């Protein structure tokens, strides 16, 4: 579990603001002509007609849950005003990796922050001083209390569910395209004990939030790089990290840092001439640190690439390095260790710390003292040519040359003996008579 010193209450307020903003948008499939105005209800303000809807549940910590588990989230509200409400709009907002069931008569929208917003409307008369609960209709009279939500297999950490309620203006529910789901919901009037409590405590919010802690695990793997060249060359490296899952990471976890974040320690013998804009150079100035985003010339970089790192996803950042001196296997690192980070914010811990650090290995060779005029590359053992000085053959090459010479000498001797023997056995008749 990843927790920070930040309060998740701030996070809940952000989600609530997003939910209310999205709820004000026209529903998918609705025409402007048949979309009535929804009465804007501010927390703590009683409508002029005596209508005042207050969200009761969810509230605060809703407990722990396992990934790939289904829960029914309790949702309830009341009318603490003095007049009957002619219909209302319920808006539910779910964090990433939460999959709400689709109910007939509701519309569903996904925000750029991966939030899912469900909007459900009805025309029932809501009398004052009555608590109303969201019930999933399972065919029985009692039904199932709450909204069905599936926590997906990659869900992890704190996950927020937001609920808000607003009164319609009496013209009826907003025209909305029904979902493809088969589930239905109904509202059920229950005991009024909490209504009296809401009045006594001057509870006035039309929205409320709840938080589940999802148990899961993940494995972040650092990705290093290798490069080589001659002194003076500029080489490009690409480094990063991979989330091996099973959990996905995202900045919408309460008080969390970006999901894809890693640190790069630059190797010796190189100079960063180009850094990506999503990496910042951390520069020590006495007891303080200064950061410059996308700055060249740094020795330590803090990088992030996306706000959400899904299970199985890889993210990267590219740097251009100038090789300034001859080095062999100079090593920098890519890791999740940040010595400049706030000690109160712990480094994310995963199931496999062995791959939390990767090497960035650089090799640079100097130009040869006398490269010659041929086409070879002195740094890589080219053949050379032209007026370069010819050096004596030594070492293993001398042995090889000597062996070849001996072989040629032996072959010559063999040919001589064969020729001699052939002359000894080739005798003509005239020669024999003369003997």
Protein backbone atom coordinates (compact mmCIF):
# COMPACT_ATOMS: atom_id res chain seq x y z
CA UNK A 1 0.00 0.00 0.00
CA UNK A 2 1.31 3.42 -0.93
CA UNK A 3 0.40 6.21 1.45
CA UNK A 4 1.77 9.72 1.74
CA UNK A 5 1.55 12.51 4.25
CA UNK A 6 -1.07 14.26 2.12
CA UNK A 7 -4.66 14.09 3.30
CA UNK A 8 -6.99 12.22 0.98
CA UNK A 9 -9.68 14.73 1.88
CA UNK A 10 -8.13 17.14 -0.63
CA UNK A 11 -8.33 14.43 -3.27
CA UNK A 12 -12.00 13.82 -2.49
CA UNK A 13 -12.79 17.48 -2.95
CA UNK A 14 -11.15 17.48 -6.39
CA UNK A 15 -13.20 14.48 -7.48
CA UNK A 16 -16.36 16.11 -6.20
CA UNK A 17 -15.68 19.25 -8.20
CA UNK A 18 -15.07 17.21 -11.35
CA UNK A 19 -18.26 15.24 -10.78
CA UNK A 20 -20.40 18.33 -10.33
CA UNK A 21 -18.89 19.94 -13.42
CA UNK A 22 -19.54 16.87 -15.56
CA UNK A 23 -23.03 16.45 -14.16
CA UNK A 24 -23.91 19.89 -15.48
CA UNK A 25 -23.21 18.76 -19.06
CA UNK A 26 -26.09 17.52 -21.23
CA UNK A 27 -26.46 13.76 -21.25
CA UNK A 28 -25.35 11.76 -24.26
CA UNK A 29 -28.19 11.47 -26.76
CA UNK A 30 -30.14 14.37 -25.32
CA UNK A 31 -31.33 17.20 -27.54
CA UNK A 32 -30.99 20.80 -26.43
CA UNK A 33 -34.71 21.33 -26.98
CA UNK A 34 -35.82 18.55 -24.65
CA UNK A 35 -33.12 19.02 -22.00
CA UNK A 36 -34.61 20.83 -19.02
CA UNK A 37 -32.62 23.08 -16.76
CA UNK A 38 -31.31 21.36 -13.66
CA UNK A 39 -31.67 23.50 -10.56
CA UNK A 40 -28.23 24.54 -9.38
CA UNK A 41 -27.99 23.69 -5.70
CA UNK A 42 -25.07 25.02 -3.70
CA UNK A 43 -24.10 23.35 -0.43
CA UNK A 44 -25.75 25.09 2.48
CA UNK A 45 -28.23 27.04 0.35
CA UNK A 46 -31.94 26.25 0.59
CA UNK A 47 -33.88 26.64 -2.65
CA UNK A 48 -36.58 29.31 -2.72
CA UNK A 49 -39.34 26.69 -2.97
CA UNK A 50 -38.19 24.97 0.23
CA UNK A 51 -36.39 22.11 -1.56
CA UNK A 52 -33.05 21.08 -0.11
CA UNK A 53 -31.53 17.72 -1.06
CA UNK A 54 -28.69 16.43 1.12
CA UNK A 55 -26.38 13.50 0.23
CA UNK A 56 -26.00 11.13 3.19
CA UNK A 57 -23.85 8.24 1.90
CA UNK A 58 -21.12 7.35 1.14
CA UNK A 59 -19.09 9.08 3.84
CA UNK A 60 -15.40 8.69 4.64
CA UNK A 61 -13.55 5.41 4.92
CA UNK A 62 -15.52 2.53 3.39
CA UNK A 63 -12.97 -0.14 4.28
CA UNK A 64 -10.70 -2.45 2.31
CA UNK A 65 -11.42 -4.48 -0.80
CA UNK A 66 -9.52 -6.91 -3.02
CA UNK A 67 -8.70 -6.34 -6.66
CA UNK A 68 -11.10 -8.15 -9.03
CA UNK A 69 -13.88 -7.98 -6.42
CA UNK A 70 -17.44 -6.66 -6.73
CA UNK A 71 -19.08 -4.49 -4.08
CA UNK A 72 -22.37 -2.64 -3.67
CA UNK A 73 -21.62 0.95 -2.66
CA UNK A 74 -24.30 2.44 -0.37
CA UNK A 75 -25.93 5.59 -1.75
CA UNK A 76 -28.59 7.61 0.06
CA UNK A 77 -29.96 11.15 0.30
CA UNK A 78 -32.76 13.13 1.91
CA UNK A 79 -34.89 16.22 1.43
CA UNK A 80 -34.47 18.48 4.44
CA UNK A 81 -36.54 21.22 2.84
CA UNK A 82 -40.24 21.95 3.30
CA UNK A 83 -41.53 21.10 -0.20
CA UNK A 84 -41.85 17.89 -2.18
CA UNK A 85 -39.26 17.44 -4.92
CA UNK A 86 -40.51 16.55 -8.39
CA UNK A 87 -37.68 14.24 -9.44
CA UNK A 88 -33.94 14.44 -8.98
CA UNK A 89 -30.64 13.72 -10.70
CA UNK A 90 -28.13 11.38 -9.09
CA UNK A 91 -24.50 11.63 -10.20
CA UNK A 92 -21.90 8.98 -9.34
CA UNK A 93 -18.18 9.39 -10.01
CA UNK A 94 -15.79 6.44 -9.90
CA UNK A 95 -12.00 6.44 -9.80
CA UNK A 96 -9.87 4.75 -12.49
CA UNK A 97 -9.91 0.93 -12.39
CA UNK A 98 -13.44 0.92 -10.97
CA UNK A 99 -16.06 -0.45 -13.34
CA UNK A 100 -19.61 0.62 -12.40
CA UNK A 101 -22.50 -1.54 -13.54
CA UNK A 102 -24.69 0.05 -16.19
CA UNK A 103 -28.29 0.64 -15.18
CA UNK A 104 -31.19 1.25 -17.53
CA UNK A 105 -32.01 4.95 -17.66
CA UNK A 106 -28.50 6.12 -16.75
CA UNK A 107 -25.81 7.66 -18.95
CA UNK A 108 -22.07 7.08 -18.66
CA UNK A 109 -19.11 9.34 -19.47
CA UNK A 110 -15.36 8.87 -19.10
CA UNK A 111 -13.27 11.96 -18.35
CA UNK A 112 -9.73 12.71 -19.51
CA UNK A 113 -8.62 11.79 -15.98
CA UNK A 114 -10.02 8.26 -16.46
CA UNK A 115 -12.94 8.95 -14.13
CA UNK A 116 -16.25 7.29 -14.96
CA UNK A 117 -19.32 9.42 -14.34
CA UNK A 118 -22.80 7.89 -14.19
CA UNK A 119 -25.90 10.12 -14.27
CA UNK A 120 -29.26 8.63 -13.28
CA UNK A 121 -32.57 10.51 -13.24
CA UNK A 122 -36.13 9.87 -12.15
CA UNK A 123 -39.47 11.62 -11.66
CA UNK A 124 -40.52 10.23 -8.29
CA UNK A 125 -42.00 12.59 -5.72
CA UNK A 126 -39.55 13.09 -2.86
CA UNK A 127 -41.35 14.28 0.22
CA UNK A 128 -39.53 16.21 2.97
CA UNK A 129 -37.99 14.41 5.95
CA UNK A 130 -37.58 11.07 4.17
CA UNK A 131 -34.37 9.20 3.49
CA UNK A 132 -34.10 7.61 0.06
CA UNK A 133 -31.71 4.78 -0.76
CA UNK A 134 -30.39 3.57 -4.11
CA UNK A 135 -31.46 -0.06 -4.51
CA UNK A 136 -30.28 -2.47 -7.20
CA UNK A 137 -33.33 -4.37 -8.43
CA UNK A 138 -32.60 -8.11 -8.36
CA UNK A 139 -36.21 -9.21 -8.79
CA UNK A 140 -36.94 -9.43 -5.08
CA UNK A 141 -38.98 -6.98 -3.04
CA UNK A 142 -36.01 -5.94 -0.91
CA UNK A 143 -33.46 -5.70 -3.69
CA UNK A 144 -29.74 -5.12 -3.02
CA UNK A 145 -28.77 -1.98 -1.14
CA UNK A 146 -26.24 0.07 -3.12
CA UNK A 147 -24.73 0.65 -6.53
CA UNK A 148 -22.85 -2.32 -8.04
CA UNK A 149 -19.17 -1.60 -8.68
CA UNK A 150 -16.43 -3.98 -9.85
CA UNK A 151 -12.86 -3.30 -8.70
CA UNK A 152 -10.81 -4.39 -11.69
CA UNK A 153 -7.84 -6.76 -11.53
CA UNK A 154 -5.36 -3.86 -11.86
CA UNK A 155 -6.97 -1.65 -9.20
CA UNK A 156 -4.62 -0.60 -6.42
CA UNK A 157 -4.50 1.68 -3.40
CA UNK A 158 -7.05 4.31 -2.37
CA UNK A 159 -10.04 4.51 -4.72
CA UNK A 160 -12.72 7.15 -4.38
CA UNK A 161 -16.45 6.98 -5.08
CA UNK A 162 -18.37 10.27 -5.20
CA UNK A 163 -22.13 10.78 -5.03
CA UNK A 164 -24.15 13.96 -5.56
CA UNK A 165 -27.85 14.77 -5.85
CA UNK A 166 -29.64 17.76 -7.39
CA UNK A 167 -33.31 18.58 -7.77
CA UNK A 168 -34.97 18.81 -11.16
CA UNK A 169 -36.89 22.00 -11.96
CA UNK A 170 -40.27 20.30 -12.09
CA UNK A 171 -40.23 19.82 -15.87
CA UNK A 172 -39.37 16.14 -15.55
CA UNK A 173 -36.21 14.16 -15.83
CA UNK A 174 -33.62 14.97 -18.44
CA UNK A 175 -34.04 13.11 -21.72
CA UNK A 176 -31.24 10.54 -21.74
CA UNK A 177 -30.15 7.60 -23.78
CA UNK A 178 -30.50 4.37 -21.82
CA UNK A 179 -27.41 2.27 -21.25
CA UNK A 180 -26.93 -1.17 -22.76
CA UNK A 181 -26.98 -2.70 -19.31
CA UNK A 182 -29.77 -4.92 -18.07
CA UNK A 183 -29.67 -3.80 -14.45
CA UNK A 184 -32.38 -1.60 -13.00
CA UNK A 185 -32.50 0.52 -9.90
CA UNK A 186 -35.22 1.87 -7.64
CA UNK A 187 -35.43 4.28 -4.72
CA UNK A 188 -36.57 3.06 -1.35
CA UNK A 189 -37.84 5.22 1.51
CA UNK A 190 -36.41 4.15 4.87
CA UNK A 191 -36.37 5.24 8.50
CA UNK A 192 -36.02 8.96 9.13
CA UNK A 193 -33.49 8.83 11.98
CA UNK A 194 -30.62 10.20 9.95
CA UNK A 195 -32.84 12.89 8.48
CA UNK A 196 -33.36 14.32 11.96
CA UNK A 197 -29.60 14.10 12.57
CA UNK A 198 -28.91 15.92 9.32
CA UNK A 199 -31.24 18.70 10.40
CA UNK A 200 -29.78 18.87 13.90
CA UNK A 201 -26.20 19.15 12.63
CA UNK A 202 -27.12 21.53 9.79
CA UNK A 203 -25.76 19.04 7.27
CA UNK A 204 -26.16 20.74 3.92
CA UNK A 205 -23.89 19.16 1.33
CA UNK A 206 -25.47 17.90 -1.87
CA UNK A 207 -22.47 15.65 -2.49
CA UNK A 208 -20.40 13.23 -0.43
CA UNK A 209 -17.43 10.92 -0.94
CA UNK A 210 -16.17 7.59 0.24
CA UNK A 211 -12.85 5.77 -0.07
CA UNK A 212 -11.95 2.11 -0.49
CA UNK A 213 -8.42 0.77 0.03
CA UNK A 214 -7.72 -1.81 -2.68
CA UNK A 215 -5.15 -4.50 -1.84
CA UNK A 216 -2.91 -5.40 -4.78
CA UNK A 217 0.75 -5.54 -5.83
CA UNK A 218 2.97 -4.37 -8.67
CA UNK A 219 6.52 -4.63 -10.02
CA UNK A 220 8.30 -1.59 -11.47
CA UNK A 221 11.33 -2.42 -13.61
CA UNK A 222 14.03 0.15 -14.44
CA UNK A 223 15.28 0.21 -18.05
CA UNK A 224 18.90 1.19 -18.73
CA UNK A 225 20.89 1.67 -21.94
CA UNK A 226 24.31 1.15 -23.62
CA UNK A 227 26.16 3.41 -26.06
CA UNK A 228 29.66 3.76 -27.49
CA UNK A 229 31.64 5.97 -29.84
CA UNK A 230 34.67 8.19 -30.21
CA UNK A 231 35.52 11.13 -28.00
CA UNK A 232 33.60 14.11 -29.36
CA UNK A 233 30.69 12.03 -30.65
CA UNK A 234 27.10 12.70 -29.54
CA UNK A 235 25.15 9.53 -28.78
CA UNK A 236 21.44 9.09 -28.02
CA UNK A 237 20.16 6.85 -25.25
CA UNK A 238 16.60 5.94 -24.28
CA UNK A 239 15.87 4.98 -20.68
CA UNK A 240 12.67 4.43 -18.70
CA UNK A 241 10.63 2.00 -16.70
CA UNK A 242 8.07 -0.76 -17.17
CA UNK A 243 5.17 -1.72 -14.94
CA UNK A 244 5.05 -5.52 -14.86
CA UNK A 245 1.75 -5.40 -12.94
CA UNK A 246 -0.61 -6.74 -11.93
CA UNK A 247 -1.66 -3.35 -10.49
CA UNK A 248 -1.82 -0.13 -12.49
CA UNK A 249 -0.45 3.09 -10.96
CA UNK A 250 -1.94 6.54 -11.38
CA UNK A 251 -1.65 9.97 -9.80
CA UNK A 252 -5.31 9.87 -8.79
CA UNK A 253 -4.41 7.64 -5.89
CA UNK A 254 -4.92 9.79 -2.82
CA UNK A 255 -1.93 12.06 -2.20
CA UNK A 256 0.23 10.10 -4.64
CA UNK A 257 3.05 11.07 -6.96
CA UNK A 258 2.87 10.45 -10.72
CA UNK A 259 2.77 6.76 -11.53
CA UNK A 260 5.70 6.86 -13.97
CA UNK A 261 8.63 8.52 -12.24
CA UNK A 262 12.31 7.57 -12.25
CA UNK A 263 15.76 9.09 -11.65
CA UNK A 264 18.80 9.17 -13.95
CA UNK A 265 22.38 9.50 -12.66
CA UNK A 266 24.60 10.57 -15.58
CA UNK A 267 27.80 8.49 -16.16
CA UNK A 268 31.29 10.01 -15.88
CA UNK A 269 33.01 11.18 -19.07
CA UNK A 270 29.87 12.48 -20.80
CA UNK A 271 27.94 15.74 -20.98
CA UNK A 272 24.18 15.97 -21.42
CA UNK A 273 23.63 18.20 -24.46
CA UNK A 274 19.90 17.58 -24.80
CA UNK A 275 17.36 16.52 -22.17
CA UNK A 276 13.63 15.93 -22.61
CA UNK A 277 11.17 18.45 -21.23
CA UNK A 278 9.64 15.85 -18.94
CA UNK A 279 12.92 15.51 -17.01
CA UNK A 280 14.28 18.10 -14.61
CA UNK A 281 17.91 18.58 -13.65
CA UNK A 282 18.42 18.77 -9.89
CA UNK A 283 21.26 21.15 -8.99
CA UNK A 284 22.71 21.43 -5.50
CA UNK A 285 23.25 24.96 -4.21
CA UNK A 286 24.58 24.69 -0.69
CA UNK A 287 21.93 23.05 1.44
CA UNK A 288 19.24 23.77 -1.13
CA UNK A 289 18.35 22.27 -4.52
CA UNK A 290 17.29 24.01 -7.69
CA UNK A 291 15.53 22.27 -10.55
CA UNK A 292 15.63 23.17 -14.24
CA UNK A 293 13.20 21.38 -16.51
CA UNK A 294 14.68 20.08 -19.77
CA UNK A 295 18.07 21.64 -18.97
CA UNK A 296 21.33 20.35 -20.49
CA UNK A 297 24.54 19.86 -18.51
CA UNK A 298 23.01 18.15 -15.48
CA UNK A 299 24.35 15.16 -13.57
CA UNK A 300 21.10 14.04 -11.89
CA UNK A 301 17.67 14.06 -13.51
CA UNK A 302 14.20 13.37 -12.16
CA UNK A 303 11.88 12.18 -14.94
CA UNK A 304 8.18 11.51 -15.33
CA UNK A 305 6.31 10.79 -18.52
CA UNK A 306 2.64 10.05 -17.81
CA UNK A 307 0.18 10.42 -14.97
CA UNK A 308 -0.94 6.82 -15.27
CA UNK A 309 1.25 3.76 -15.75
CA UNK A 310 -1.00 0.83 -16.58
CA UNK A 311 0.00 -2.77 -15.96
CA UNK A 312 2.22 -3.96 -18.81
CA UNK A 313 2.99 -0.43 -20.02
CA UNK A 314 6.49 0.95 -20.69
CA UNK A 315 7.44 4.64 -20.65
CA UNK A 316 10.72 6.20 -21.69
CA UNK A 317 12.80 9.38 -22.00
CA UNK A 318 15.60 10.09 -24.48
CA UNK A 319 18.85 11.99 -23.79
CA UNK A 320 21.68 13.08 -26.08
CA UNK A 321 25.14 12.69 -24.53
CA UNK A 322 28.46 14.09 -25.79
CA UNK A 323 31.43 11.82 -25.13
CA UNK A 324 33.98 14.18 -23.57
CA UNK A 325 36.75 11.77 -22.52
CA UNK A 326 37.96 8.25 -23.18
CA UNK A 327 36.19 5.88 -20.81
CA UNK A 328 35.53 2.17 -20.75
CA UNK A 329 32.19 0.98 -19.41
CA UNK A 330 31.47 4.15 -17.43
CA UNK A 331 28.25 3.45 -15.59
CA UNK A 332 25.32 5.65 -14.63
CA UNK A 333 21.99 4.43 -13.26
CA UNK A 334 18.24 4.51 -13.79
CA UNK A 335 16.37 3.87 -10.56
CA UNK A 336 13.49 4.87 -8.33
CA UNK A 337 15.79 6.27 -5.63
CA UNK A 338 15.57 10.04 -5.22
CA UNK A 339 17.97 11.39 -2.58
CA UNK A 340 16.37 14.82 -2.89
CA UNK A 341 12.80 13.66 -2.31
CA UNK A 342 10.73 14.57 0.73
CA UNK A 343 11.57 11.84 3.30
CA UNK A 344 7.95 11.88 4.43
CA UNK A 345 6.92 10.59 0.99
CA UNK A 346 8.18 6.99 0.81
CA UNK A 347 9.58 5.54 -2.39
CA UNK A 348 7.08 3.14 -3.99
CA UNK A 349 7.85 -0.38 -2.88
CA UNK A 350 7.12 -3.28 -5.20
CA UNK A 351 7.27 -7.07 -5.20
CA UNK A 352 10.65 -7.33 -6.98
CA UNK A 353 13.24 -4.80 -5.77
CA UNK A 354 16.00 -6.60 -7.70
CA UNK A 355 15.02 -4.83 -10.93
CA UNK A 356 14.57 -1.39 -9.39
CA UNK A 357 17.95 -0.23 -10.74
CA UNK A 358 19.46 -0.52 -14.23
CA UNK A 359 22.84 0.54 -15.61
CA UNK A 360 23.56 3.14 -18.29
CA UNK A 361 26.93 2.00 -19.72
CA UNK A 362 29.04 4.31 -21.91
CA UNK A 363 32.30 3.50 -23.71
CA UNK A 364 34.29 6.23 -25.51
CA UNK A 365 37.57 5.66 -27.38
CA UNK A 366 40.14 8.29 -28.31
CA UNK A 367 41.26 8.93 -31.91
CA UNK A 368 44.40 6.93 -32.92
CA UNK A 369 47.71 8.87 -32.87
CA UNK A 370 48.42 8.10 -36.58
CA UNK A 371 45.30 6.86 -38.35
CA UNK A 372 46.86 6.88 -41.86
CA UNK A 373 45.04 7.88 -45.00
CA UNK A 374 43.16 4.65 -45.77
CA UNK A 375 39.51 3.96 -45.21
CA UNK A 376 39.83 1.98 -41.99
CA UNK A 377 38.67 3.13 -38.54
CA UNK A 378 41.64 3.18 -36.15
CA UNK A 379 39.28 2.93 -33.12
CA UNK A 380 37.74 -0.28 -34.39
CA UNK A 381 40.86 -1.89 -35.88
CA UNK A 382 40.53 -0.68 -39.49
CA UNK A 383 43.08 -1.75 -42.14
CA UNK A 384 44.60 1.69 -42.66
CA UNK A 385 46.92 2.41 -45.64
CA UNK A 386 48.77 5.25 -47.38
CA UNK A 387 51.96 6.55 -45.80
CA UNK A 388 51.31 5.27 -42.31
CA UNK A 389 54.29 3.62 -40.55
CA UNK A 390 54.38 -0.16 -41.01
CA UNK A 391 55.09 -1.87 -37.71
CA UNK A 392 56.77 -5.29 -37.27
CA UNK A 393 54.49 -8.23 -36.73
CA UNK A 394 54.66 -9.47 -33.16
CA UNK A 395 52.80 -11.68 -30.75
CA UNK A 396 50.25 -14.16 -32.11
CA UNK A 397 50.50 -12.70 -35.59
CA UNK A 398 54.25 -13.52 -35.69
CA UNK A 399 53.54 -17.12 -34.71
CA UNK A 400 50.91 -17.40 -37.40
CA UNK A 401 53.30 -16.04 -40.07
CA UNK A 402 56.06 -18.40 -38.96
CA UNK A 403 53.75 -21.39 -39.14
CA UNK A 404 52.69 -20.50 -42.65
CA UNK A 405 56.38 -20.19 -43.71
CA UNK A 406 57.24 -23.63 -42.33
CA UNK A 407 54.29 -25.15 -44.11
CA UNK A 408 55.35 -23.65 -47.42
CA UNK A 409 58.96 -24.89 -46.88
CA UNK A 410 57.77 -28.42 -46.16
CA UNK A 411 55.56 -28.40 -49.23
CA UNK A 412 58.52 -27.34 -51.43
CA UNK A 413 60.71 -30.12 -50.08
CA UNK A 414 58.01 -32.68 -50.79
CA UNK A 415 57.67 -31.58 -54.41
CA UNK A 416 61.46 -31.86 -54.87
CA UNK A 417 61.52 -35.47 -53.62
CA UNK A 418 58.63 -36.49 -55.85
CA UNK A 419 60.35 -35.02 -58.89
CA UNK A 420 63.64 -36.86 -58.06
CA UNK A 421 61.92 -40.25 -57.65
CA UNK A 422 60.08 -39.87 -60.93
CA UNK A 423 63.39 -39.26 -62.77
CA UNK A 424 64.87 -42.42 -61.24
CA UNK A 425 62.14 -44.77 -62.55
CA UNK A 426 61.59 -43.32 -65.99
CA UNK A 427 64.06 -45.33 -68.20
CA UNK A 428 63.93 -45.63 -72.03
CA UNK A 429 64.98 -48.69 -74.03
CA UNK A 430 67.95 -46.98 -75.67
CA UNK A 431 69.38 -45.99 -72.34
CA UNK A 432 69.21 -49.58 -71.13
CA UNK A 433 71.06 -50.91 -74.19
CA UNK A 434 73.85 -48.47 -73.77
CA UNK A 435 74.44 -49.67 -70.27
